Protein backbone atom coordinates (compact mmCIF):
# COMPACT_ATOMS: atom_id res chain seq x y z
CA UNK A 1 5.92 84.74 85.11
CA UNK A 2 7.63 85.78 88.33
CA UNK A 3 11.47 85.97 88.31
CA UNK A 4 11.94 82.98 90.61
CA UNK A 5 10.09 80.80 88.11
CA UNK A 6 12.62 81.32 85.35
CA UNK A 7 14.84 78.29 85.90
CA UNK A 8 13.47 74.81 85.53
CA UNK A 9 16.30 72.45 86.44
CA UNK A 10 15.77 68.82 85.43
CA UNK A 11 18.41 66.35 86.58
CA UNK A 12 19.39 63.90 83.90
CA UNK A 13 20.34 60.25 84.03
CA UNK A 14 23.43 59.45 81.97
CA UNK A 15 25.08 56.29 83.21
CA UNK A 16 22.34 53.92 82.17
CA UNK A 17 23.07 55.04 78.63
CA UNK A 18 26.77 54.44 79.06
CA UNK A 19 26.27 51.14 80.84
CA UNK A 20 23.70 49.72 78.48
CA UNK A 21 25.37 46.37 78.04
CA UNK A 22 25.75 46.81 74.31
CA UNK A 23 28.06 44.44 72.47
CA UNK A 24 29.07 47.04 69.89
CA UNK A 25 30.70 49.35 72.43
CA UNK A 26 33.05 52.21 71.72
CA UNK A 27 36.13 52.77 73.80
CA UNK A 28 35.53 55.62 76.22
CA UNK A 29 35.34 58.78 74.11
CA UNK A 30 36.90 60.64 77.00
CA UNK A 31 40.09 58.65 77.58
CA UNK A 32 42.76 61.28 78.36
CA UNK A 33 45.50 59.32 76.59
CA UNK A 34 43.40 59.10 73.45
CA UNK A 35 43.43 62.82 72.68
CA UNK A 36 45.75 65.54 73.94
CA UNK A 37 42.94 67.98 74.73
CA UNK A 38 40.36 65.51 76.08
CA UNK A 39 38.25 66.86 78.92
CA UNK A 40 39.83 70.31 78.88
CA UNK A 41 37.24 73.02 79.38
CA UNK A 42 37.24 76.55 77.99
CA UNK A 43 39.12 78.04 80.95
CA UNK A 44 41.86 75.40 80.69
CA UNK A 45 42.24 75.95 76.96
CA UNK A 46 42.36 79.72 77.44
CA UNK A 47 45.04 79.34 80.11
CA UNK A 48 47.21 77.33 77.73
CA UNK A 49 46.73 79.90 75.00
CA UNK A 50 47.55 82.70 77.44
CA UNK A 51 50.80 81.07 78.56
CA UNK A 52 51.85 80.30 74.99
CA UNK A 53 51.75 76.50 75.17
CA UNK A 54 48.78 76.34 72.77
CA UNK A 55 47.27 78.47 70.05
CA UNK A 56 43.92 78.39 68.31
CA UNK A 57 45.35 77.12 65.02
CA UNK A 58 46.94 74.11 66.75
CA UNK A 59 43.77 73.39 68.70
CA UNK A 60 41.56 73.69 65.62
CA UNK A 61 43.88 71.42 63.65
CA UNK A 62 43.76 68.86 66.47
CA UNK A 63 39.96 68.82 66.49
CA UNK A 64 39.84 68.49 62.69
CA UNK A 65 42.27 65.56 62.89
CA UNK A 66 40.18 63.91 65.60
CA UNK A 67 37.03 64.34 63.50
CA UNK A 68 38.82 62.62 60.61
CA UNK A 69 40.05 59.83 62.89
CA UNK A 70 36.90 58.84 64.80
CA UNK A 71 33.99 60.59 63.13
CA UNK A 72 34.80 59.83 59.50
CA UNK A 73 36.77 56.64 60.24
CA UNK A 74 37.26 54.30 63.20
CA UNK A 75 33.96 54.09 65.10
CA UNK A 76 32.45 56.46 62.48
CA UNK A 77 30.32 58.49 64.85
CA UNK A 78 28.76 60.60 62.05
CA UNK A 79 28.45 63.54 64.46
CA UNK A 80 29.96 66.15 62.13
CA UNK A 81 28.18 66.54 58.81
CA UNK A 82 30.61 69.13 57.39
CA UNK A 83 33.76 70.91 58.51
CA UNK A 84 34.34 74.58 57.85
CA UNK A 85 36.90 75.03 55.04
CA UNK A 86 37.82 78.38 56.61
CA UNK A 87 38.29 77.07 60.15
CA UNK A 88 42.09 77.15 60.15
CA UNK A 89 42.12 80.63 58.61
CA UNK A 90 39.69 81.83 61.27
CA UNK A 91 41.89 80.31 63.98
CA UNK A 92 45.02 81.93 62.57
CA UNK A 93 43.26 85.31 62.55
CA UNK A 94 42.29 84.91 66.21
CA UNK A 95 45.90 84.00 67.03
CA UNK A 96 47.10 87.16 65.29
CA UNK A 97 44.67 89.21 67.34
CA UNK A 98 45.91 87.58 70.54
CA UNK A 99 49.51 88.40 69.68
CA UNK A 100 48.44 92.01 69.06
CA UNK A 101 46.81 92.16 72.49
CA UNK A 102 43.22 92.08 71.23
CA UNK A 103 41.07 89.52 73.04
CA UNK A 104 37.37 89.46 72.26
CA UNK A 105 36.29 87.48 75.32
CA UNK A 106 36.25 83.99 76.89
CA UNK A 107 35.53 82.29 73.54
CA UNK A 108 38.47 83.92 71.73
CA UNK A 109 40.06 81.22 69.57
CA UNK A 110 37.75 78.46 70.84
CA UNK A 111 36.44 76.09 68.12
CA UNK A 112 32.65 75.67 68.20
CA UNK A 113 30.44 73.25 66.27
CA UNK A 114 27.02 74.36 64.97
CA UNK A 115 23.96 72.21 64.28
CA UNK A 116 23.13 71.79 60.59
CA UNK A 117 19.92 73.78 60.74
CA UNK A 118 21.76 77.01 61.63
CA UNK A 119 23.20 79.10 58.80
CA UNK A 120 26.98 79.52 58.93
CA UNK A 121 28.88 80.64 55.84
CA UNK A 122 30.35 79.21 53.69
CA UNK A 123 28.76 75.91 54.66
CA UNK A 124 25.55 74.18 53.63
CA UNK A 125 22.44 74.52 55.79
CA UNK A 126 20.41 71.41 55.06
CA UNK A 127 18.63 70.12 58.19
CA UNK A 128 20.11 66.82 57.00
CA UNK A 129 17.89 66.81 53.91
CA UNK A 130 19.02 65.96 50.40
CA UNK A 131 16.66 68.65 49.10
CA UNK A 132 18.96 71.29 50.66
CA UNK A 133 22.31 69.52 50.29
CA UNK A 134 23.62 72.29 48.00
CA UNK A 135 21.95 75.21 49.79
CA UNK A 136 24.49 77.71 51.13
CA UNK A 137 22.87 80.74 52.80
CA UNK A 138 24.42 84.06 51.87
CA UNK A 139 24.62 85.21 55.48
CA UNK A 140 25.36 83.81 58.91
CA UNK A 141 22.54 83.22 61.35
CA UNK A 142 22.40 85.95 63.99
CA UNK A 143 23.82 83.70 66.70
CA UNK A 144 26.73 82.70 64.43
CA UNK A 145 27.52 86.37 63.90
CA UNK A 146 27.52 86.76 67.68
CA UNK A 147 29.92 83.84 68.03
CA UNK A 148 32.32 85.25 65.45
CA UNK A 149 32.17 88.66 67.16
CA UNK A 150 33.02 86.90 70.43
CA UNK A 151 36.13 85.40 68.83
CA UNK A 152 34.92 81.83 68.39
CA UNK A 153 36.18 79.70 65.50
CA UNK A 154 33.34 77.99 63.61
CA UNK A 155 34.68 74.45 63.31
CA UNK A 156 31.86 72.92 61.30
CA UNK A 157 28.26 71.70 61.25
CA UNK A 158 26.81 68.76 63.18
CA UNK A 159 24.47 66.03 62.01
CA UNK A 160 20.93 65.89 63.35
CA UNK A 161 17.70 63.98 63.21
CA UNK A 162 16.56 65.03 59.75
CA UNK A 163 14.38 68.14 59.83
CA UNK A 164 14.98 68.27 63.60
CA UNK A 165 12.76 65.20 64.07
CA UNK A 166 9.73 66.83 62.47
CA UNK A 167 9.35 64.83 59.28
CA UNK A 168 7.82 61.64 60.64
CA UNK A 169 6.31 60.22 63.81
CA UNK A 170 8.40 57.11 63.06
CA UNK A 171 11.72 58.88 62.65
CA UNK A 172 15.03 57.53 63.95
CA UNK A 173 16.91 59.93 66.20
CA UNK A 174 20.27 60.99 64.82
CA UNK A 175 19.61 59.84 61.24
CA UNK A 176 19.54 62.13 58.24
CA UNK A 177 19.75 61.31 54.56
CA UNK A 178 22.70 63.67 54.16
CA UNK A 179 24.62 62.76 57.31
CA UNK A 180 23.74 59.12 57.98
CA UNK A 181 23.25 57.66 61.46
CA UNK A 182 24.92 59.48 64.35
CA UNK A 183 26.12 56.95 66.93
CA UNK A 184 26.28 57.19 70.71
CA UNK A 185 30.02 57.23 71.51
CA UNK A 186 29.54 55.15 74.68
CA UNK A 187 27.60 52.37 72.94
CA UNK A 188 27.77 52.55 69.18
CA UNK A 189 24.60 50.56 68.57
CA UNK A 190 22.56 52.77 70.89
CA UNK A 191 20.69 55.97 70.10
CA UNK A 192 22.24 59.42 70.57
CA UNK A 193 18.65 60.77 70.87
CA UNK A 194 17.82 63.93 68.96
CA UNK A 195 17.41 66.10 67.27
CA UNK A 196 20.70 67.79 68.25
CA UNK A 197 22.38 64.40 68.04
CA UNK A 198 25.64 65.42 66.42
CA UNK A 199 26.17 68.38 68.73
CA UNK A 200 25.82 66.16 71.80
CA UNK A 201 27.98 63.33 70.47
CA UNK A 202 30.67 65.76 69.32
CA UNK A 203 31.03 67.25 72.79
CA UNK A 204 30.93 63.84 74.49
CA UNK A 205 33.58 62.47 72.11
CA UNK A 206 35.88 65.51 72.36
CA UNK A 207 35.35 66.60 68.76
CA UNK A 208 34.83 70.11 70.16
CA UNK A 209 34.75 71.62 73.62
CA UNK A 210 31.27 73.11 73.06
CA UNK A 211 28.54 72.99 70.43
CA UNK A 212 25.26 74.71 69.64
CA UNK A 213 22.01 72.76 69.39
CA UNK A 214 18.40 73.75 68.83
CA UNK A 215 15.22 72.66 70.56
CA UNK A 216 11.49 72.76 70.04
CA UNK A 217 10.67 70.05 72.59
CA UNK A 218 13.60 68.03 73.95
CA UNK A 219 16.06 68.36 71.08
CA UNK A 220 18.84 69.76 73.28
CA UNK A 221 17.97 68.03 76.53
CA UNK A 222 17.45 64.45 75.35
CA UNK A 223 20.71 64.08 73.36
CA UNK A 224 22.65 65.87 76.10
CA UNK A 225 21.19 63.39 78.59
CA UNK A 226 21.99 60.13 76.83
CA UNK A 227 25.49 61.33 75.87
CA UNK A 228 26.41 62.43 79.39
CA UNK A 229 26.85 66.17 78.91
CA UNK A 230 25.21 69.46 79.94
CA UNK A 231 22.46 70.90 77.76
CA UNK A 232 20.73 74.24 78.26
CA UNK A 233 17.50 75.25 76.54
CA UNK A 234 17.18 79.00 77.11
CA UNK A 235 13.97 80.96 77.53
CA UNK A 236 12.38 81.41 74.11
CA UNK A 237 13.41 84.90 73.00
CA UNK A 238 16.80 85.02 74.70
CA UNK A 239 18.61 83.74 71.59
CA UNK A 240 17.60 84.90 68.11
CA UNK A 241 16.21 82.30 65.69
CA UNK A 242 17.17 84.42 62.66
CA UNK A 243 18.91 82.20 60.09
CA UNK A 244 17.74 78.93 61.68
CA UNK A 245 15.48 76.49 59.83
CA UNK A 246 12.30 76.65 61.93
CA UNK A 247 9.70 74.33 63.36
CA UNK A 248 7.77 76.59 65.73
CA UNK A 249 8.19 80.28 66.51
CA UNK A 250 6.33 79.60 69.77
CA UNK A 251 8.85 77.04 71.03
CA UNK A 252 12.08 77.12 68.97
CA UNK A 253 15.36 78.22 70.50
CA UNK A 254 19.05 77.51 70.11
CA UNK A 255 21.18 76.70 73.12
CA UNK A 256 24.59 75.55 74.37
CA UNK A 257 25.83 71.99 74.80
CA UNK A 258 28.97 71.48 76.88
CA UNK A 259 30.71 69.21 79.38
CA UNK A 260 30.08 71.52 82.32
CA UNK A 261 27.69 74.28 83.34
CA UNK A 262 30.35 77.01 83.25
CA UNK A 263 31.14 76.35 79.59
CA UNK A 264 27.42 76.31 78.78
CA UNK A 265 27.06 79.68 80.52
CA UNK A 266 29.99 81.13 78.57
CA UNK A 267 28.49 79.98 75.28
CA UNK A 268 25.05 81.30 76.22
CA UNK A 269 26.56 84.68 77.09
CA UNK A 270 27.99 84.91 73.58
CA UNK A 271 24.82 84.03 71.66
CA UNK A 272 22.15 85.77 73.76
CA UNK A 273 20.97 89.17 72.62
CA UNK A 274 18.33 91.30 70.99
CA UNK A 275 17.79 90.94 67.25
CA UNK A 276 15.38 93.25 65.48
CA UNK A 277 14.65 90.52 62.94
CA UNK A 278 13.29 88.17 65.64
CA UNK A 279 10.36 89.75 67.52
CA UNK A 280 10.69 87.17 70.30
CA UNK A 281 13.85 88.97 71.45
CA UNK A 282 12.14 92.39 71.58
CA UNK A 283 11.99 92.55 75.38
CA UNK A 284 15.77 92.21 75.72
CA UNK A 285 17.86 95.37 76.30
CA UNK A 286 19.35 96.55 73.03
CA UNK A 287 23.01 96.66 74.05
CA UNK A 288 23.09 94.45 77.12
CA UNK A 289 26.27 92.57 78.01
CA UNK A 290 25.49 89.04 79.16
CA UNK A 291 27.79 87.22 81.59
CA UNK A 292 25.95 84.20 82.90
CA UNK A 293 29.15 82.52 84.08
CA UNK A 294 29.78 85.39 86.51
CA UNK A 295 26.46 84.58 88.19
CA UNK A 296 27.41 80.99 88.96
CA UNK A 297 28.13 80.20 92.60
CA UNK A 298 28.85 76.98 94.55
CA UNK A 299 26.44 78.30 97.20
CA UNK A 300 23.59 79.00 94.78
CA UNK A 301 21.37 76.24 96.19
CA UNK A 302 21.75 77.28 99.82
CA UNK A 303 18.29 78.32 101.00
CA UNK A 304 16.62 77.47 97.68
CA UNK A 305 13.28 75.67 97.61
CA UNK A 306 13.22 73.00 94.89
CA UNK A 307 10.10 71.16 93.78
CA UNK A 308 10.69 67.46 93.13
CA UNK A 309 8.66 65.95 90.29
CA UNK A 310 8.00 62.21 90.24
CA UNK A 311 6.95 60.27 87.16
CA UNK A 312 7.44 56.90 85.50
CA UNK A 313 11.14 57.70 85.04
CA UNK A 314 11.82 58.59 88.67
CA UNK A 315 10.32 55.28 89.79
CA UNK A 316 12.03 53.15 87.11
CA UNK A 317 14.39 50.46 88.37
CA UNK A 318 17.40 51.79 86.46
CA UNK A 319 16.78 55.45 87.34
CA UNK A 320 15.11 55.70 90.75
CA UNK A 321 18.18 54.98 92.88
CA UNK A 322 20.43 57.38 90.99
CA UNK A 323 17.72 60.05 91.10
CA UNK A 324 17.41 59.71 94.89
CA UNK A 325 21.18 60.11 95.26
CA UNK A 326 21.02 63.23 93.11
CA UNK A 327 18.27 64.64 95.34
CA UNK A 328 20.46 63.95 98.37
CA UNK A 329 23.22 65.99 96.71
CA UNK A 330 20.81 68.92 96.34
CA UNK A 331 19.94 68.69 100.03
CA UNK A 332 23.62 68.55 100.94
CA UNK A 333 24.12 71.74 98.93
CA UNK A 334 21.58 73.51 101.12
CA UNK A 335 18.33 73.17 99.17
CA UNK A 336 14.97 72.38 100.71
CA UNK A 337 13.14 69.77 98.63
CA UNK A 338 9.36 69.65 98.31
CA UNK A 339 7.45 66.85 96.54
CA UNK A 340 5.13 68.36 93.93
CA UNK A 341 3.14 67.41 90.84
CA UNK A 342 2.17 69.43 87.78
CA UNK A 343 -1.64 69.70 87.92
CA UNK A 344 -1.91 69.84 84.12
CA UNK A 345 0.82 67.35 83.23
CA UNK A 346 0.44 66.15 79.63
CA UNK A 347 -2.88 67.93 79.05
CA UNK A 348 -1.23 70.21 76.48
CA UNK A 349 -0.01 67.40 74.19
CA UNK A 350 -2.70 67.51 71.50
CA UNK A 351 -2.75 71.31 71.46
CA UNK A 352 1.04 71.41 71.13
CA UNK A 353 0.92 69.09 68.12
CA UNK A 354 -1.67 71.33 66.45
CA UNK A 355 0.52 74.38 67.05
CA UNK A 356 3.65 72.75 65.65
CA UNK A 357 1.90 71.46 62.53
CA UNK A 358 0.57 74.93 61.71
CA UNK A 359 3.69 76.90 62.58
CA UNK A 360 6.07 74.54 60.77
CA UNK A 361 4.52 75.10 57.35
CA UNK A 362 4.22 78.87 57.79
CA UNK A 363 7.69 79.34 59.25
CA UNK A 364 9.50 77.00 56.89
CA UNK A 365 8.04 78.55 53.75
CA UNK A 366 8.91 82.03 55.02
CA UNK A 367 12.50 80.91 55.65
CA UNK A 368 12.84 79.24 52.25
CA UNK A 369 11.60 82.36 50.46
CA UNK A 370 13.73 84.81 52.42
CA UNK A 371 16.88 82.71 52.08
CA UNK A 372 16.36 81.99 48.35
CA UNK A 373 16.54 78.25 48.91
CA UNK A 374 16.34 75.82 45.96
CA UNK A 375 12.93 74.61 47.18
CA UNK A 376 10.27 77.15 48.10
CA UNK A 377 7.36 75.35 49.73
CA UNK A 378 6.59 72.39 51.94
CA UNK A 379 4.71 70.85 49.02
CA UNK A 380 7.91 70.94 46.97
CA UNK A 381 9.82 69.23 49.79
CA UNK A 382 7.20 66.50 50.01
CA UNK A 383 7.42 65.98 46.25
CA UNK A 384 11.23 65.90 46.35
CA UNK A 385 11.21 63.22 49.04
CA UNK A 386 8.76 61.17 47.01
CA UNK A 387 10.97 61.45 43.94
CA UNK A 388 14.02 60.41 45.99
CA UNK A 389 12.25 57.90 48.21
CA UNK A 390 15.03 55.32 47.92
CA UNK A 391 17.42 57.61 49.80
CA UNK A 392 15.06 59.83 51.77
CA UNK A 393 12.31 57.46 52.87
CA UNK A 394 13.91 54.03 53.05
CA UNK A 395 13.72 54.16 56.86
CA UNK A 396 10.61 56.22 57.60
CA UNK A 397 7.92 58.26 55.91
CA UNK A 398 6.95 61.94 56.02
CA UNK A 399 3.58 61.87 57.76
CA UNK A 400 4.30 65.03 59.78
CA UNK A 401 5.16 66.90 56.60
CA UNK A 402 1.89 65.74 55.06
CA UNK A 403 -0.17 66.68 58.11
CA UNK A 404 1.49 70.09 58.23
CA UNK A 405 0.82 70.61 54.52
CA UNK A 406 -2.88 70.04 55.18
CA UNK A 407 -3.09 72.95 57.65
CA UNK A 408 -4.81 76.14 56.55
CA UNK A 409 -2.70 78.92 58.02
CA UNK A 410 -2.12 80.88 61.21
CA UNK A 411 -5.50 82.62 61.01
CA UNK A 412 -7.25 79.27 61.50
CA UNK A 413 -9.28 79.42 64.76
CA UNK A 414 -8.25 75.84 65.51
CA UNK A 415 -4.61 76.95 65.60
CA UNK A 416 -5.28 80.13 67.57
CA UNK A 417 -7.24 78.25 70.23
CA UNK A 418 -4.66 75.45 70.41
CA UNK A 419 -1.80 77.90 70.92
CA UNK A 420 -3.57 79.69 73.74
CA UNK A 421 -4.56 76.38 75.35
CA UNK A 422 -1.08 74.85 75.18
CA UNK A 423 0.67 77.89 76.65
CA UNK A 424 -1.94 78.27 79.42
CA UNK A 425 -1.81 74.62 80.47
CA UNK A 426 1.98 74.38 80.45
CA UNK A 427 2.73 77.84 81.88
CA UNK A 428 0.23 79.64 84.16
CA UNK A 429 -1.84 76.56 85.07
CA UNK A 430 1.14 74.17 85.12
CA UNK A 431 4.63 75.38 85.96
CA UNK A 432 3.65 78.75 87.41
CA UNK A 433 0.91 77.28 89.58
CA UNK A 434 3.26 74.61 90.92
CA UNK A 435 6.05 77.07 91.66
CA UNK A 436 3.73 79.60 93.29
CA UNK A 437 1.80 77.13 95.44
CA UNK A 438 4.92 76.04 97.32
CA UNK A 439 6.98 79.24 96.90
CA UNK A 440 9.56 77.34 94.85
CA UNK A 441 12.66 78.61 93.07
CA UNK A 442 12.94 75.72 90.61
CA UNK A 443 11.75 72.23 89.76
CA UNK A 444 13.78 69.05 89.33
CA UNK A 445 13.00 65.81 87.48
CA UNK A 446 14.80 63.07 85.55
CA UNK A 447 15.43 64.31 82.02
CA UNK A 448 14.74 61.08 80.14
CA UNK A 449 15.47 57.37 80.21
CA UNK A 450 18.51 55.46 79.05
CA UNK A 451 19.57 55.29 75.42
CA UNK A 452 17.79 52.59 73.46
CA UNK A 453 19.16 50.32 70.76
CA UNK A 454 19.04 51.83 67.26
CA UNK A 455 16.36 49.92 65.34
CA UNK A 456 15.74 51.10 61.75
CA UNK A 457 12.68 48.87 61.47
CA UNK A 458 10.89 49.97 64.64
CA UNK A 459 12.20 53.51 65.15
CA UNK A 460 12.82 55.15 68.49
CA UNK A 461 11.98 53.42 71.79
CA UNK A 462 11.39 56.60 73.79
CA UNK A 463 10.44 56.11 77.46
CA UNK A 464 9.27 59.59 78.36
CA UNK A 465 10.78 62.84 79.59
CA UNK A 466 10.60 65.57 82.21
CA UNK A 467 11.00 68.63 79.98
CA UNK A 468 7.73 68.92 78.04
CA UNK A 469 6.10 71.65 80.12
CA UNK A 470 9.10 73.97 79.85
CA UNK A 471 9.25 73.43 76.09
CA UNK A 472 5.60 74.32 75.53
CA UNK A 473 5.63 77.26 77.97
CA UNK A 474 8.82 78.69 76.44
CA UNK A 475 10.62 78.47 79.79
CA UNK A 476 14.28 77.47 80.21
CA UNK A 477 15.51 74.05 81.25
CA UNK A 478 18.93 72.69 82.11
CA UNK A 479 20.04 69.08 82.09
CA UNK A 480 23.12 67.92 83.99
CA UNK A 481 24.56 64.43 84.56
CA UNK A 482 23.69 62.52 87.72
CA UNK A 483 25.43 59.44 89.01
CA UNK A 484 29.04 58.48 88.52
């Protein structure tokens, strides 16, 4: 893939989610008089810590109090599944380093929330499942080690769509047996999307300034979209998956979720890096220093050629007008816009499903063995859910688990052919062909539709998305709010 094809930039609609007309509506989660540190970004928090008007211990305590007030009680957002019992001690240690003149970087003393499929000691890593509710990995995931080395305070773990939305085709975004139903802070009876539901809601509701999510296909972008924040899915292989409960080694990645692009870039800089235990990172320089925030520029779009994708979302009544205004903003920033279409759009869907079903079983069982988890195989998980059906399967079944269990391994020619087909259709014949044909620097599309009403009986009412090709190809995608 040529360098100019690296960034796929979908624009996301947020205000239709916030203005959904729901009766069960939360007060704005961003009201500045509701929380002392609402809407402050990393640079603002660092400035206060530098001038002595704030320290990490005070900030961490404030976030923990806010979690208790509106996540555990009040509107009961269910965004945070567990807080770190060592968070205040970690914050105090970072404060001591600051007083001694040792600053580790832009995240020094900044509390960060981590999705509950990423190992972070001493907390549980459960993917929201009761089968792993007592499973505490002995070691941090690689990206968590990177965060600690960068000076971040691990505030806690966030709720998610159980098993990152890969247990059932009828799953409910944001629900897990361990964590309950995560709620959209702008409209409590509407979906937070998933699977990184808690990470998105936590940032939107000022439970943390930034959070880490994971994505296989849409699990960072969709919840970021419907909760009105920034979500970045990096190129597969930029961030190590070591210590993360897997779905697909072809498509999985972790990535930042924040209220602005600068904070997302700062978080990405901290977690990116080569890890010998994850072969996908092998092409990265061994000791590179990443500073994506330094590359940001208000003039970055001047002279850029952006391909504009149109689909059912861009023509929808509640999205089309806002999307056109967003495109005007890109033109005003100096970009040249070109209408384009992906020649292979959606043709990879069946092949992608085949790949995920095969890779999930193989990757999960490898993780469970290596981490000495209390269950060891997918078959054992399926049996556990059946034995605890009243709690685990009252809302939806486990048909994806069962289909994955029926696969016959990564040497199966059906899998090998599907993987090659999916990557070819999404990458070289899809995104690359579109970018090359018009000499484009990036593509833009609506991320997804508005948040839908949570309906335990019918499941998710998903309207489509603009990020599928990037997910399957392993390319990066960024979602940012549009409208006001």
